[in-house]
């Protein structure tokens, strides 16, 4: 079963292809994604790599955690499940401008 890894400390210029080819040294990479900021269109400096199995994921953590890629020290560990966040939009909160009597 595939295992997803968190990769932090990426250079803003690191591409998904570079991420994929780097982690391929540890085994089969199922997917590689760099998280992009919606507003600026730039990398947020972290991403996720999915390795084909647990053994290859563990090998990737051992090989790359604390090493440099494109001049930046990487943080590599097992990704945690995404936390549920409240839905955006709608009228779910206060904070409006009410009338103020003085």
Protein backbone atom coordinates (compact mmCIF):
# COMPACT_ATOMS: atom_id res chain seq x y z
CA UNK A 1 0.00 0.00 0.00
CA UNK A 2 1.24 3.49 -0.88
CA UNK A 3 2.50 5.78 1.87
CA UNK A 4 2.43 9.58 1.69
CA UNK A 5 5.37 11.66 2.91
CA UNK A 6 5.49 15.33 3.87
CA UNK A 7 8.50 17.16 2.40
CA UNK A 8 9.22 20.56 3.93
CA UNK A 9 11.96 23.12 3.39
CA UNK A 10 11.72 23.08 -0.39
CA UNK A 11 13.25 25.89 -2.41
CA UNK A 12 10.63 28.05 -4.13
CA UNK A 13 12.19 27.00 -7.43
CA UNK A 14 11.95 23.24 -6.86
CA UNK A 15 9.76 21.53 -9.47
CA UNK A 16 7.58 18.46 -9.09
CA UNK A 17 9.85 16.67 -11.59
CA UNK A 18 12.89 17.40 -9.40
CA UNK A 19 11.02 16.16 -6.33
CA UNK A 20 9.94 12.99 -8.16
CA UNK A 21 13.40 12.20 -9.55
CA UNK A 22 15.07 12.83 -6.18
CA UNK A 23 12.75 10.52 -4.27
CA UNK A 24 12.91 7.88 -7.03
CA UNK A 25 16.39 7.11 -5.66
CA UNK A 26 14.61 5.47 -2.69
CA UNK A 27 12.02 3.53 -4.71
CA UNK A 28 8.92 3.90 -6.83
CA UNK A 29 7.25 7.30 -6.57
CA UNK A 30 3.48 7.06 -7.09
CA UNK A 31 2.93 10.84 -7.02
CA UNK A 32 4.76 14.06 -6.21
CA UNK A 33 3.07 17.41 -5.60
CA UNK A 34 4.32 20.82 -4.52
CA UNK A 35 1.75 22.98 -2.76
CA UNK A 36 1.18 26.31 -4.51
CA UNK A 37 -0.17 29.49 -2.89
CA UNK A 38 -3.43 30.48 -4.62
CA UNK A 39 -2.86 34.21 -4.31
CA UNK A 40 0.76 34.48 -5.48
CA UNK A 41 1.03 31.34 -7.61
CA UNK A 42 4.36 30.55 -5.89
CA UNK A 43 5.39 27.43 -4.04
CA UNK A 44 4.63 27.40 -0.31
CA UNK A 45 7.93 25.58 0.28
CA UNK A 46 6.49 22.16 0.99
CA UNK A 47 4.96 19.24 -0.82
CA UNK A 48 3.99 15.59 -0.68
CA UNK A 49 5.52 12.47 -2.19
CA UNK A 50 3.70 9.17 -2.27
CA UNK A 51 5.91 6.09 -2.28
CA UNK A 52 4.68 2.70 -3.49
CA UNK A 53 5.08 0.90 -0.14
CA UNK A 54 6.06 1.39 3.50
CA UNK A 55 9.60 0.05 3.08
CA UNK A 56 10.39 2.52 0.29
CA UNK A 57 8.79 5.37 2.26
CA UNK A 58 10.91 4.53 5.31
CA UNK A 59 14.01 4.39 3.11
CA UNK A 60 13.17 7.82 1.63
CA UNK A 61 12.76 9.33 5.12
CA UNK A 62 16.12 7.88 6.15
CA UNK A 63 17.84 9.03 2.95
CA UNK A 64 16.48 12.57 2.65
CA UNK A 65 15.45 13.91 6.06
CA UNK A 66 18.00 16.60 6.97
CA UNK A 67 19.77 16.53 3.59
CA UNK A 68 20.01 19.45 1.17
CA UNK A 69 18.09 19.83 -2.07
CA UNK A 70 18.78 22.94 -4.15
CA UNK A 71 20.50 24.62 -1.22
CA UNK A 72 17.75 24.00 1.36
CA UNK A 73 17.64 21.45 4.20
CA UNK A 74 14.70 19.08 3.81
CA UNK A 75 12.32 17.85 6.48
CA UNK A 76 10.85 14.50 5.45
CA UNK A 77 8.39 12.52 7.54
CA UNK A 78 5.18 10.56 7.24
CA UNK A 79 2.28 12.82 6.29
CA UNK A 80 -0.51 13.16 8.83
CA UNK A 81 -4.13 12.93 7.68
CA UNK A 82 -5.60 16.23 6.60
CA UNK A 83 -7.57 17.95 9.35
CA UNK A 84 -11.17 18.86 8.65
CA UNK A 85 -11.63 22.59 8.29
CA UNK A 86 -14.89 24.50 8.47
CA UNK A 87 -16.51 25.33 5.16
CA UNK A 88 -15.82 28.81 3.84
CA UNK A 89 -18.51 31.16 2.70
CA UNK A 90 -22.06 31.52 3.81
CA UNK A 91 -23.27 33.58 6.72
CA UNK A 92 -22.09 31.51 9.63
CA UNK A 93 -20.72 34.18 11.91
CA UNK A 94 -21.31 37.56 13.39
CA UNK A 95 -19.01 40.47 12.97
CA UNK A 96 -21.45 42.61 11.02
CA UNK A 97 -21.90 46.32 11.48
CA UNK A 98 -24.84 46.99 13.67
CA UNK A 99 -26.42 50.28 14.64
CA UNK A 100 -24.70 51.99 17.50
CA UNK A 101 -26.54 54.28 19.82
CA UNK A 102 -24.51 56.82 21.73
